[in-house]
Amino acid sequence: MKRLLLLGVAALLLAGPAVAAPETPKTRTPAEFLASLSEAAKDETVLIGFIGPDGDLTDEQARQASGELTAEDAVLGRLMAQHLFGARTNAILAFNPDALDIARALDAERKAGKTRGPLHGLPILVKDNIETADPMATTAGSLALKDNVTGRDAALVARLRAAGVVVLGKANLSEWANIRSSRSTSGWSAVGGLTRNPYALDRSACGSSSGSGAAVAAGLAAAAIGTETDGSITCPAAMNGLVGLKPTVGLVSRTHIVPISHSQDTAGPMTATVRDAALLLTAMAGSDPTDPATLEADARKGDYAAALSRDALKGVTLAVARFYAGDSPKTDAVFEQALKDLAAQGATLVEVKAFDEGPVGKAEGVVLFTEFKADIAAYLASTDPAKVKPRTLADLIAFNAATPEELRWFGQETFEKAQGTRGLDDPDYLKAKADAKRLAGPEGIDRILKETGAVAIVAPTTGPAWTIDPVNGDHYGASATTLPAVAGYPHLTVPMGQVEGLPVGLSFIGPAWSEARLLSLGYAYEQATMRRKPPEMKATVGP
């Protein structure tokens, strides 16, 4: 099997016949470049990384700084990777027509002696429920939003753009961030089709940030931004062998992001390394006057990459949430090795008693359904009615019912359940909201940390990717996502190994605003173990 190490179009190395990069006139868009490529050398070609197996942003930045690579090369390289095997994962929904022009402008800035920081000239993807001012629709995967070109940058995108990133395009996702049906197939959207896991193409990339995870794992982007309400960054990051961080709700603005829940929604980085996640979070974090939840963000944010330490595990106590284990014996074995690795780095491990998440999940459901009905109506009201006809959740339900492609694989019973809620003043909603926050936060994560004297909780994030099953839907197992999601607390997942070639992640969960600590703990673990392995895009796993 051929292997490809992509070092920019100027240095395309193949273990086989060379593939020549075509000339690229300065007026070309990504679509025009892709259309110009031949079908040669697509068979049996597997990416192992853009700069190296870890796809490290620091290495790529150093190459651009030295002149070995340009931002334009970086974009063209990812487009070449998309040409060679992007269809295997189907992770990218749309390319930014302006990406090459943006890259060339950043190259001109560098040539003139100006750089914007460690992200200058690096191409990233954003999940397609996050708006950008580029000429791309923000669809949330739904045909109802296929023309939703807003001309607006989400506040987090504006911050990243100011830091010098190139918005390469939009990543596919689970439609409506997986809120439409309890029987959905993660990674599928009516606009983008089905995203597949690059470690085994018949396996789920999880959701809802499936395209973000699969694209970074496959080297189609330097990094990506996902969003999470409950598990939508951390699950696809873990199952695609990546680092994923769900920040404290309120650290990163949600303005101009298609919502589910103002109590739980947040965006966060999905990257190959912890340092990469820290660099992106540093650029993304900050207060936004249009998102009241971010009032404290400016006071709480920091330089997360500068705070990383290889010695962060020495002398700390970690609470072991073994109640998240048990679904997958092979995952449990990998987790036990991870605990030994943590102890070897100087951490003291304290076992946590069993925790009943049932009441948390019940209250969470009431909150999500009620807030989605209100929040999606507010979002739709902000869009151009000439481009987006539905104005309410009821309109979306009617649109889906009239659009066969939308309901081909699963229904919209969760939409219908949300439509039946009674608004943000409903006493049942207000009680559920208070109960959920209390049970997950003060009586959940905070209590566990206090009783154990730990600085963070560690657990297996979830099991290995399940086989894709559009007939029956997803096959979720145990997951460590709900407590931090409902509490609004940060949750970091880091690759801890593989089960039969399928990645599994180690979770670090902490109190509100503890991103710097969690990233440093994860960095110390990552550097001591280096468990991440790049994907080989196998057809399947098994005999």
Protein backbone atom coordinates (compact mmCIF):
# COMPACT_ATOMS: atom_id res chain seq x y z
CA MET A 1 0.00 0.00 0.00
CA LYS A 2 1.36 3.38 -0.95
CA ARG A 3 1.83 5.99 1.74
CA LEU A 4 1.83 9.71 1.23
CA LEU A 5 3.72 12.31 3.22
CA LEU A 6 2.36 15.65 2.12
CA LEU A 7 4.80 18.54 2.55
CA GLY A 8 3.07 21.09 0.40
CA VAL A 9 2.53 20.86 -3.31
CA ALA A 10 6.18 21.73 -3.93
CA ALA A 11 7.36 18.59 -2.17
CA LEU A 12 4.97 15.72 -2.76
CA LEU A 13 6.66 12.48 -1.75
CA LEU A 14 5.20 9.13 -2.74
CA ALA A 15 6.48 5.60 -2.21
CA GLY A 16 5.84 5.04 -5.89
CA PRO A 17 5.45 7.13 -9.05
CA ALA A 18 5.58 10.86 -8.41
CA VAL A 19 2.41 12.92 -8.72
CA ALA A 20 3.04 16.27 -10.33
CA ALA A 21 1.16 19.26 -8.95
CA PRO A 22 -0.40 21.37 -11.68
CA GLU A 23 0.34 25.02 -12.17
CA THR A 24 -2.07 27.17 -10.18
CA PRO A 25 -2.91 30.54 -11.68
CA LYS A 26 -3.41 33.17 -9.03
CA THR A 27 -7.11 33.50 -9.83
CA ARG A 28 -7.91 29.87 -9.07
CA THR A 29 -10.38 28.90 -6.37
CA PRO A 30 -10.15 25.59 -4.49
CA ALA A 31 -12.93 24.19 -6.67
CA GLU A 32 -11.05 25.12 -9.84
CA PHE A 33 -7.85 23.58 -8.50
CA LEU A 34 -9.60 20.34 -7.61
CA ALA A 35 -11.25 20.22 -11.03
CA SER A 36 -7.84 20.55 -12.69
CA LEU A 37 -6.37 17.46 -11.03
CA SER A 38 -6.20 14.15 -12.83
CA GLU A 39 -7.47 10.88 -11.44
CA ALA A 40 -3.93 9.45 -11.36
CA ALA A 41 -2.48 7.94 -8.20
CA LYS A 42 -5.77 7.89 -6.28
CA ASP A 43 -5.80 4.13 -5.80
CA GLU A 44 -4.28 2.70 -2.62
CA THR A 45 -2.93 6.06 -1.48
CA VAL A 46 -3.11 6.73 2.25
CA LEU A 47 -2.27 9.95 4.05
CA ILE A 48 0.00 9.78 7.08
CA GLY A 49 0.10 13.48 7.82
CA PHE A 50 0.79 16.92 6.41
CA ILE A 51 4.05 17.67 8.17
CA GLY A 52 4.43 14.36 9.95
CA PRO A 53 2.35 11.70 11.66
CA ASP A 54 1.16 14.14 14.33
CA GLY A 55 0.26 17.02 12.00
CA ASP A 56 1.76 19.43 14.50
CA LEU A 57 0.83 23.09 14.00
CA THR A 58 4.09 24.23 15.59
CA ASP A 59 6.13 22.28 13.03
CA GLU A 60 4.04 23.62 10.19
CA GLN A 61 4.40 27.18 11.47
CA ALA A 62 8.17 26.72 11.66
CA ARG A 63 8.25 25.57 8.04
CA GLN A 64 6.30 28.62 6.94
CA ALA A 65 8.56 30.88 8.98
CA SER A 66 11.65 29.36 7.35
CA GLY A 67 10.23 29.80 3.86
CA GLU A 68 10.16 26.05 3.21
CA LEU A 69 6.38 26.20 3.02
CA THR A 70 3.85 28.96 2.35
CA ALA A 71 0.26 29.36 3.44
CA GLU A 72 -0.70 28.87 -0.20
CA ASP A 73 1.25 25.58 -0.22
CA ALA A 74 -0.58 24.56 2.93
CA VAL A 75 -3.98 25.11 1.32
CA LEU A 76 -2.97 23.43 -1.96
CA GLY A 77 -1.57 20.48 -0.05
CA ARG A 78 -4.86 19.92 1.72
CA LEU A 79 -6.71 20.21 -1.57
CA MET A 80 -4.38 17.59 -3.05
CA ALA A 81 -5.14 15.34 -0.09
CA GLN A 82 -8.85 15.88 -0.65
CA HIS A 83 -8.42 14.94 -4.31
CA LEU A 84 -6.54 11.76 -3.48
CA PHE A 85 -8.88 10.28 -0.92
CA GLY A 86 -11.27 12.86 0.52
CA ALA A 87 -14.24 10.93 -0.84
CA ARG A 88 -13.36 8.00 1.42
CA THR A 89 -14.22 9.90 4.57
CA ASN A 90 -16.59 12.50 3.07
CA ALA A 91 -15.57 14.80 5.90
CA ILE A 92 -15.60 18.17 4.12
CA LEU A 93 -18.93 19.65 3.13
CA ALA A 94 -17.67 22.75 1.30
CA PHE A 95 -14.40 24.52 0.47
CA ASN A 96 -14.04 28.25 0.94
CA PRO A 97 -13.78 29.84 -2.55
CA ASP A 98 -11.58 32.57 -1.05
CA ALA A 99 -9.15 30.24 0.75
CA LEU A 100 -6.29 30.62 -1.72
CA ASP A 101 -6.65 34.40 -1.86
CA ILE A 102 -6.64 34.56 1.94
CA ALA A 103 -3.54 32.37 2.07
CA ARG A 104 -1.70 34.53 -0.47
CA ALA A 105 -2.56 37.67 1.49
CA LEU A 106 -1.15 36.09 4.64
CA ASP A 107 1.98 35.07 2.72
CA ALA A 108 2.36 38.69 1.63
CA GLU A 109 2.08 39.81 5.24
CA ARG A 110 4.78 37.36 6.27
CA LYS A 111 7.02 38.48 3.43
CA ALA A 112 6.56 42.09 4.59
CA GLY A 113 7.72 41.11 8.06
CA LYS A 114 4.33 40.87 9.76
CA THR A 115 3.01 37.71 11.38
CA ARG A 116 -0.09 37.44 13.52
CA GLY A 117 1.19 34.71 15.82
CA PRO A 118 1.58 30.93 15.92
CA LEU A 119 -1.51 30.30 13.77
CA HIS A 120 -0.49 32.58 10.89
CA GLY A 121 -1.18 30.91 7.55
CA LEU A 122 -2.53 27.62 8.92
CA PRO A 123 -5.63 26.14 7.21
CA ILE A 124 -8.46 24.96 9.45
CA LEU A 125 -12.01 23.75 8.99
CA VAL A 126 -15.06 24.86 10.92
CA LYS A 127 -18.11 22.73 11.55
CA ASP A 128 -20.97 23.71 9.29
CA ASN A 129 -23.16 25.07 12.05
CA ILE A 130 -20.65 27.92 12.58
CA GLU A 131 -21.04 30.98 10.37
CA THR A 132 -18.20 32.56 8.47
CA ALA A 133 -18.22 35.72 6.35
CA ASP A 134 -16.84 33.74 3.42
CA PRO A 135 -19.16 32.91 0.49
CA MET A 136 -20.33 29.60 2.00
CA ALA A 137 -23.70 28.62 3.38
CA THR A 138 -24.04 27.64 7.02
CA THR A 139 -26.42 24.70 6.80
CA ALA A 140 -26.22 22.64 9.99
CA GLY A 141 -26.47 19.85 7.41
CA SER A 142 -30.10 20.64 6.63
CA LEU A 143 -31.55 21.37 3.20
CA ALA A 144 -33.69 24.00 4.94
CA LEU A 145 -30.50 26.08 5.34
CA LYS A 146 -28.79 25.21 2.05
CA ASP A 147 -28.90 28.87 0.92
CA ASN A 148 -28.00 30.35 4.31
CA VAL A 149 -25.06 32.49 3.18
CA THR A 150 -25.03 35.11 5.94
CA GLY A 151 -21.86 37.13 5.30
CA ARG A 152 -21.26 37.05 9.06
CA ASP A 153 -18.29 35.74 11.00
CA ALA A 154 -19.13 33.97 14.22
CA ALA A 155 -17.27 35.82 16.96
CA LEU A 156 -14.90 32.88 17.43
CA VAL A 157 -14.16 32.82 13.68
CA ALA A 158 -13.37 36.54 13.73
CA ARG A 159 -10.89 35.90 16.55
CA LEU A 160 -9.26 33.03 14.67
CA ARG A 161 -9.10 35.06 11.47
CA ALA A 162 -7.41 37.90 13.36
CA ALA A 163 -4.90 35.32 14.60
CA GLY A 164 -4.01 34.45 11.00
CA VAL A 165 -5.83 31.21 10.26
CA VAL A 166 -7.08 30.37 6.79
CA VAL A 167 -10.70 29.18 6.87
CA LEU A 168 -10.30 26.29 4.46
CA GLY A 169 -13.95 25.29 4.44
CA LYS A 170 -16.84 23.69 6.29
CA ALA A 171 -16.79 20.24 7.85
CA ASN A 172 -19.72 17.88 7.54
CA LEU A 173 -21.68 17.10 10.70
CA SER A 174 -24.55 15.14 12.10
CA GLU A 175 -27.55 17.11 10.85
CA TRP A 176 -28.84 19.71 13.34
CA ALA A 177 -25.98 18.60 15.59
CA ASN A 178 -27.81 15.31 16.23
CA ILE A 179 -30.86 16.84 17.92
CA ARG A 180 -33.45 15.76 15.29
CA SER A 181 -33.87 12.10 16.22
CA SER A 182 -32.89 9.62 18.91
CA ARG A 183 -32.41 7.03 16.14
CA SER A 184 -30.04 9.06 14.00
CA THR A 185 -26.88 7.93 12.23
CA SER A 186 -24.03 10.12 13.45
CA GLY A 187 -22.10 11.84 10.68
CA TRP A 188 -25.03 11.93 8.25
CA SER A 189 -26.58 15.11 6.92
CA ALA A 190 -28.94 15.68 4.03
CA VAL A 191 -26.57 18.32 2.64
CA GLY A 192 -23.28 16.49 3.11
CA GLY A 193 -24.10 12.79 3.15
CA LEU A 194 -22.32 10.35 5.45
CA THR A 195 -18.94 10.97 7.08
CA ARG A 196 -16.86 7.85 7.70
CA ASN A 197 -14.14 7.09 10.22
CA PRO A 198 -10.68 7.10 8.58
CA TYR A 199 -9.48 4.29 10.86
CA ALA A 200 -12.12 1.92 9.44
CA LEU A 201 -14.41 3.23 6.75
CA ASP A 202 -17.39 1.13 7.84
CA ARG A 203 -17.21 2.67 11.34
CA SER A 204 -18.85 5.77 12.73
CA ALA A 205 -16.92 9.03 13.09
CA CYS A 206 -19.32 9.76 15.99
CA GLY A 207 -21.13 13.06 16.17
CA SER A 208 -22.07 15.65 15.86
CA SER A 209 -18.64 17.11 14.93
CA SER A 210 -17.96 14.05 12.79
CA GLY A 211 -16.49 15.84 9.79
CA SER A 212 -14.24 17.96 12.00
CA GLY A 213 -12.83 14.83 13.61
CA ALA A 214 -12.46 12.71 10.48
CA ALA A 215 -10.90 15.53 8.45
CA VAL A 216 -8.17 16.34 10.98
CA ALA A 217 -7.44 12.65 11.59
CA ALA A 218 -7.02 12.13 7.85
CA GLY A 219 -4.83 15.22 7.43
CA LEU A 220 -7.34 17.16 5.32
CA ALA A 221 -6.93 20.19 7.58
CA ALA A 222 -4.38 21.38 10.11
CA ALA A 223 -7.10 21.50 12.77
CA ALA A 224 -10.85 21.99 13.06
CA ILE A 225 -13.43 23.64 15.25
CA GLY A 226 -16.33 21.57 16.53
CA THR A 227 -19.28 22.31 18.77
CA GLU A 228 -20.64 20.35 21.69
CA THR A 229 -23.88 20.21 23.61
CA ASP A 230 -23.20 16.75 25.07
CA GLY A 231 -20.33 14.73 23.59
CA SER A 232 -20.21 16.31 20.14
CA ILE A 233 -16.54 17.34 20.36
CA THR A 234 -15.19 14.73 22.75
CA CYS A 235 -16.78 11.64 21.20
CA PRO A 236 -15.65 12.27 17.59
CA ALA A 237 -12.24 13.39 18.84
CA ALA A 238 -11.80 10.16 20.81
CA MET A 239 -13.06 7.92 18.02
CA ASN A 240 -10.88 9.64 15.42
CA GLY A 241 -7.70 9.54 17.49
CA LEU A 242 -7.60 13.25 18.28
CA VAL A 243 -7.37 15.73 21.10
CA GLY A 244 -10.70 17.44 21.67
CA LEU A 245 -11.57 20.13 24.19
CA LYS A 246 -15.06 21.17 25.24
CA PRO A 247 -14.41 24.42 27.13
CA THR A 248 -16.33 25.88 30.04
CA VAL A 249 -19.60 27.26 28.71
CA GLY A 250 -18.95 30.99 28.41
CA LEU A 251 -15.24 30.89 27.58
CA VAL A 252 -15.91 30.91 23.81
CA SER A 253 -18.67 32.94 22.18
CA ARG A 254 -21.67 31.18 20.58
CA THR A 255 -22.79 34.17 18.51
CA HIS A 256 -23.75 33.17 14.94
CA ILE A 257 -23.61 29.45 15.68
CA VAL A 258 -26.74 27.40 14.93
CA PRO A 259 -27.87 26.51 18.46
CA ILE A 260 -29.31 23.67 20.48
CA SER A 261 -29.08 24.93 24.05
CA HIS A 262 -27.81 28.19 25.52
CA SER A 263 -27.20 26.30 28.77
CA GLN A 264 -24.82 23.75 27.26
CA ASP A 265 -23.62 24.76 23.77
CA THR A 266 -19.98 25.66 23.24
CA ALA A 267 -17.41 25.47 20.46
CA GLY A 268 -13.94 24.02 20.91
CA PRO A 269 -10.80 22.80 19.11
CA MET A 270 -10.21 19.35 17.61
CA THR A 271 -6.53 18.75 16.87
CA ALA A 272 -3.73 16.21 16.52
CA THR A 273 -1.92 17.36 19.68
CA VAL A 274 -2.66 19.03 22.99
CA ARG A 275 -0.42 21.99 22.14
CA ASP A 276 -2.43 22.57 18.97
CA ALA A 277 -5.65 22.63 21.01
CA ALA A 278 -4.08 25.09 23.44
CA LEU A 279 -3.00 27.39 20.60
CA LEU A 280 -6.48 27.44 19.09
CA LEU A 281 -8.21 27.95 22.43
CA THR A 282 -5.94 30.90 23.20
CA ALA A 283 -7.08 32.55 19.97
CA MET A 284 -10.78 31.63 20.33
CA ALA A 285 -11.45 32.52 23.96
CA GLY A 286 -12.80 35.87 25.03
CA SER A 287 -15.81 37.93 26.02
CA ASP A 288 -18.45 38.87 23.47
CA PRO A 289 -21.06 41.52 24.33
CA THR A 290 -23.64 39.70 22.21
CA ASP A 291 -23.26 36.48 24.24
CA PRO A 292 -23.99 37.20 27.93
CA ALA A 293 -22.57 33.84 28.98
CA THR A 294 -19.06 35.10 28.08
CA LEU A 295 -19.06 37.97 30.59
CA GLU A 296 -16.18 36.41 32.57
CA ALA A 297 -14.22 35.10 29.58
CA ASP A 298 -11.70 37.92 29.25
CA ALA A 299 -10.84 37.65 32.93
CA ARG A 300 -10.60 33.86 32.80
CA LYS A 301 -8.72 33.25 29.54
CA GLY A 302 -4.95 32.92 29.28
CA ASP A 303 -2.10 31.75 27.10
CA TYR A 304 -2.91 28.07 27.29
CA ALA A 305 0.08 26.89 25.26
CA ALA A 306 2.51 28.80 27.49
CA ALA A 307 1.01 27.07 30.55
CA LEU A 308 1.74 23.53 29.30
CA SER A 309 4.18 21.48 31.34
CA ARG A 310 5.55 17.97 30.91
CA ASP A 311 5.68 17.75 34.71
CA ALA A 312 2.04 18.66 35.30
CA LEU A 313 1.15 15.18 36.60
CA LYS A 314 3.78 15.16 39.34
CA GLY A 315 2.26 15.40 42.79
CA VAL A 316 -1.37 15.80 41.70
CA THR A 317 -4.33 13.67 42.72
CA LEU A 318 -6.71 12.40 40.04
CA ALA A 319 -10.15 10.89 40.67
CA VAL A 320 -10.70 7.67 38.73
CA ALA A 321 -14.28 7.43 37.46
CA ARG A 322 -14.31 3.70 36.84
CA PHE A 323 -18.12 3.78 36.66
CA TYR A 324 -17.69 4.87 33.04
CA ALA A 325 -15.91 1.59 32.27
CA GLY A 326 -17.45 -1.84 31.79
CA ASP A 327 -19.07 -1.60 28.36
CA SER A 328 -15.95 -2.61 26.44
CA PRO A 329 -13.44 -4.94 28.13
CA LYS A 330 -10.76 -4.09 25.57
CA THR A 331 -11.25 -0.37 26.20
CA ASP A 332 -11.07 -1.07 29.92
CA ALA A 333 -7.69 -2.75 29.42
CA VAL A 334 -6.37 0.31 27.58
CA PHE A 335 -7.73 2.52 30.38
CA GLU A 336 -5.95 0.43 33.03
CA GLN A 337 -2.68 0.97 31.17
CA ALA A 338 -3.41 4.69 31.02
CA LEU A 339 -3.87 4.74 34.80
CA LYS A 340 -0.47 3.06 35.20
CA ASP A 341 1.04 5.67 32.90
CA LEU A 342 -0.50 8.49 34.94
CA ALA A 343 0.87 6.99 38.14
CA ALA A 344 4.28 6.56 36.57
CA GLN A 345 4.31 10.31 35.88
CA GLY A 346 3.75 11.04 39.57
CA ALA A 347 -0.03 11.25 39.87
CA THR A 348 -1.89 9.81 42.85
CA LEU A 349 -5.04 7.97 41.80
CA VAL A 350 -8.14 7.84 44.00
CA GLU A 351 -11.13 5.67 43.16
CA VAL A 352 -14.56 7.32 42.88
CA LYS A 353 -17.72 5.69 44.16
CA ALA A 354 -20.43 4.87 41.62
CA PHE A 355 -22.45 7.84 40.42
CA ASP A 356 -26.05 7.65 39.17
CA GLU A 357 -26.36 9.87 36.11
CA GLY A 358 -30.00 8.96 35.55
CA PRO A 359 -31.52 12.06 37.19
CA VAL A 360 -29.00 14.28 35.39
CA GLY A 361 -29.94 12.85 32.00
CA LYS A 362 -33.66 13.16 32.67
CA ALA A 363 -33.36 16.84 33.62
CA GLU A 364 -31.00 17.48 30.70
CA GLY A 365 -33.59 16.26 28.21
CA VAL A 366 -36.18 18.77 29.42
CA VAL A 367 -33.62 21.58 29.21
CA LEU A 368 -32.38 20.72 25.72
CA PHE A 369 -35.82 20.26 24.17
CA THR A 370 -37.20 23.46 25.70
CA GLU A 371 -34.19 25.59 24.85
CA PHE A 372 -33.88 24.24 21.33
CA LYS A 373 -37.41 25.33 20.43
CA ALA A 374 -36.71 28.86 21.65
CA ASP A 375 -33.09 29.15 20.55
CA ILE A 376 -33.59 27.85 17.02
CA ALA A 377 -36.45 30.31 16.48
CA ALA A 378 -34.19 33.15 17.60
CA TYR A 379 -31.47 31.98 15.21
CA LEU A 380 -33.85 31.61 12.27
CA ALA A 381 -35.17 35.11 12.92
CA SER A 382 -31.62 36.42 12.41
CA THR A 383 -31.33 34.91 8.93
CA ASP A 384 -32.43 36.35 5.60
CA PRO A 385 -36.03 35.23 4.97
CA ALA A 386 -35.37 35.28 1.22
CA LYS A 387 -32.74 32.57 1.74
CA VAL A 388 -34.16 30.70 4.74
CA LYS A 389 -37.94 30.16 4.58
CA PRO A 390 -38.53 28.37 7.91
CA ARG A 391 -38.89 30.79 10.84
CA THR A 392 -39.77 28.40 13.67
CA LEU A 393 -39.22 24.81 14.76
CA ALA A 394 -42.74 24.03 13.54
CA ASP A 395 -41.69 25.32 10.11
CA LEU A 396 -38.64 23.05 10.13
CA ILE A 397 -40.79 20.04 11.04
CA ALA A 398 -43.10 20.85 8.13
CA PHE A 399 -40.16 21.32 5.78
CA ASN A 400 -38.74 17.92 6.71
CA ALA A 401 -42.10 16.23 6.28
CA ALA A 402 -42.31 17.67 2.76
CA THR A 403 -38.71 16.82 1.83
CA PRO A 404 -38.14 13.06 1.30
CA GLU A 405 -34.33 13.35 1.35
CA GLU A 406 -34.47 14.65 4.93
CA LEU A 407 -36.36 11.70 6.38
CA ARG A 408 -34.78 8.97 4.25
CA TRP A 409 -32.84 7.33 7.08
CA PHE A 410 -34.42 8.49 10.33
CA GLY A 411 -37.25 10.64 11.58
CA GLN A 412 -37.69 13.81 13.58
CA GLU A 413 -39.35 12.59 16.75
CA THR A 414 -37.00 14.69 18.90
CA PHE A 415 -37.94 17.81 16.95
CA GLU A 416 -41.58 16.94 17.57
CA LYS A 417 -40.95 16.41 21.26
CA ALA A 418 -39.20 19.79 21.48
CA GLN A 419 -42.12 21.41 19.65
CA GLY A 420 -44.38 20.25 22.45
CA THR A 421 -42.46 22.12 25.15
CA ARG A 422 -44.03 25.19 26.79
CA GLY A 423 -41.32 27.84 26.70
CA LEU A 424 -38.55 29.28 28.84
CA ASP A 425 -41.00 30.41 31.54
CA ASP A 426 -42.39 26.91 32.06
CA PRO A 427 -41.97 25.88 35.74
CA ASP A 428 -41.04 22.33 34.74
CA TYR A 429 -38.24 23.67 32.55
CA LEU A 430 -36.98 26.04 35.24
CA LYS A 431 -36.91 23.24 37.79
CA ALA A 432 -35.16 20.87 35.39
CA LYS A 433 -32.57 23.52 34.56
CA ALA A 434 -31.78 24.14 38.22
CA ASP A 435 -31.75 20.41 39.01
CA ALA A 436 -29.48 19.60 36.07
CA LYS A 437 -26.87 22.23 36.97
CA ARG A 438 -26.92 21.29 40.66
CA LEU A 439 -26.73 17.53 40.13
CA ALA A 440 -23.96 17.69 37.51
CA GLY A 441 -21.94 20.55 39.02
CA PRO A 442 -22.01 21.14 42.80
CA GLU A 443 -23.37 17.66 43.63
CA GLY A 444 -21.52 15.95 40.79
CA ILE A 445 -18.08 17.00 39.56
CA ASP A 446 -17.43 19.49 42.38
CA ARG A 447 -18.41 16.97 45.06
CA ILE A 448 -16.27 14.21 43.53
CA LEU A 449 -13.25 16.49 43.43
CA LYS A 450 -13.80 17.68 46.99
CA GLU A 451 -14.26 14.19 48.43
CA THR A 452 -11.19 12.79 46.67
CA GLY A 453 -8.96 15.86 46.97
CA ALA A 454 -8.40 15.57 43.21
CA VAL A 455 -7.73 18.34 40.70
CA ALA A 456 -9.48 16.45 37.89
CA ILE A 457 -11.47 13.33 37.08
CA VAL A 458 -10.09 10.77 34.62
CA ALA A 459 -12.17 8.23 32.70
CA PRO A 460 -12.37 6.47 29.36
CA THR A 461 -14.08 8.98 27.07
CA THR A 462 -16.11 6.27 25.33
CA GLY A 463 -15.50 2.98 23.55
CA PRO A 464 -14.18 2.35 20.03
CA ALA A 465 -16.21 3.40 17.00
CA TRP A 466 -19.26 1.27 16.24
CA THR A 467 -20.16 0.02 12.78
CA ILE A 468 -22.31 2.42 10.76
CA ASP A 469 -25.92 1.28 10.76
CA PRO A 470 -28.31 3.65 8.93
CA VAL A 471 -31.17 1.18 9.37
CA ASN A 472 -31.07 0.99 13.17
CA GLY A 473 -29.11 4.12 13.99
CA ASP A 474 -26.18 4.64 16.35
CA HIS A 475 -24.97 2.10 18.90
CA TYR A 476 -23.70 4.30 21.72
CA GLY A 477 -22.01 2.76 24.73
CA ALA A 478 -20.78 4.22 28.01
CA SER A 479 -19.58 7.80 27.76
CA ALA A 480 -18.00 10.32 30.14
CA THR A 481 -19.55 13.33 28.39
CA THR A 482 -22.79 14.09 30.24
CA LEU A 483 -21.62 15.42 33.63
CA PRO A 484 -19.27 18.09 32.21
CA ALA A 485 -21.74 18.91 29.44
CA VAL A 486 -24.65 19.54 31.79
CA ALA A 487 -22.51 21.30 34.39
CA GLY A 488 -20.98 23.49 31.68
CA TYR A 489 -17.50 22.45 32.84
CA PRO A 490 -14.46 21.71 30.65
CA HIS A 491 -13.74 18.26 29.27
CA LEU A 492 -10.53 17.25 27.48
CA THR A 493 -9.98 13.97 25.65
CA VAL A 494 -6.50 12.75 24.64
CA PRO A 495 -5.64 9.57 22.68
CA MET A 496 -4.84 6.75 25.11
CA GLY A 497 -4.41 3.87 22.67
CA GLN A 498 -6.32 1.65 20.28
CA VAL A 499 -8.67 -1.33 20.36
CA GLU A 500 -8.11 -3.51 17.29
CA GLY A 501 -6.78 -0.45 15.47
CA LEU A 502 -9.67 1.81 16.56
CA PRO A 503 -8.72 4.81 18.75
CA VAL A 504 -10.02 5.35 22.27
CA GLY A 505 -9.56 8.48 24.37
CA LEU A 506 -8.71 9.36 27.96
CA SER A 507 -10.89 12.07 29.51
CA PHE A 508 -9.72 14.79 31.89
CA ILE A 509 -12.68 16.56 33.51
CA GLY A 510 -12.36 19.53 35.84
CA PRO A 511 -14.28 22.37 37.50
CA ALA A 512 -15.35 25.54 35.72
CA TRP A 513 -12.55 27.56 34.08
CA SER A 514 -9.92 24.82 34.60
CA GLU A 515 -8.89 24.58 30.93
CA ALA A 516 -5.26 25.53 31.63
CA ARG A 517 -4.93 22.76 34.23
CA LEU A 518 -6.66 20.13 32.08
CA LEU A 519 -4.59 20.95 29.01
CA SER A 520 -1.40 20.74 31.02
CA LEU A 521 -2.39 17.39 32.54
CA GLY A 522 -3.30 16.09 29.10
CA TYR A 523 -0.07 17.41 27.64
CA ALA A 524 2.04 15.67 30.31
CA TYR A 525 0.20 12.40 29.63
CA GLU A 526 0.46 12.80 25.86
CA GLN A 527 4.18 13.57 25.90
CA ALA A 528 4.91 10.63 28.20
CA THR A 529 2.95 8.10 26.14
CA MET A 530 2.47 9.34 22.53
CA ARG A 531 -0.39 6.90 21.97
CA ARG A 532 -1.81 8.52 18.84
CA LYS A 533 -1.33 6.60 15.62
CA PRO A 534 -2.41 7.94 12.22
CA PRO A 535 -5.24 6.23 10.33
CA GLU A 536 -4.75 3.82 7.45
CA MET A 537 -8.28 4.04 6.04
CA LYS A 538 -8.94 0.31 6.27
CA ALA A 539 -12.17 -0.88 4.75
CA THR A 540 -13.12 -2.67 7.95
CA VAL A 541 -11.80 -4.17 11.19
CA GLY A 542 -12.17 -7.90 11.68
CA PRO A 543 -11.67 -11.19 9.92
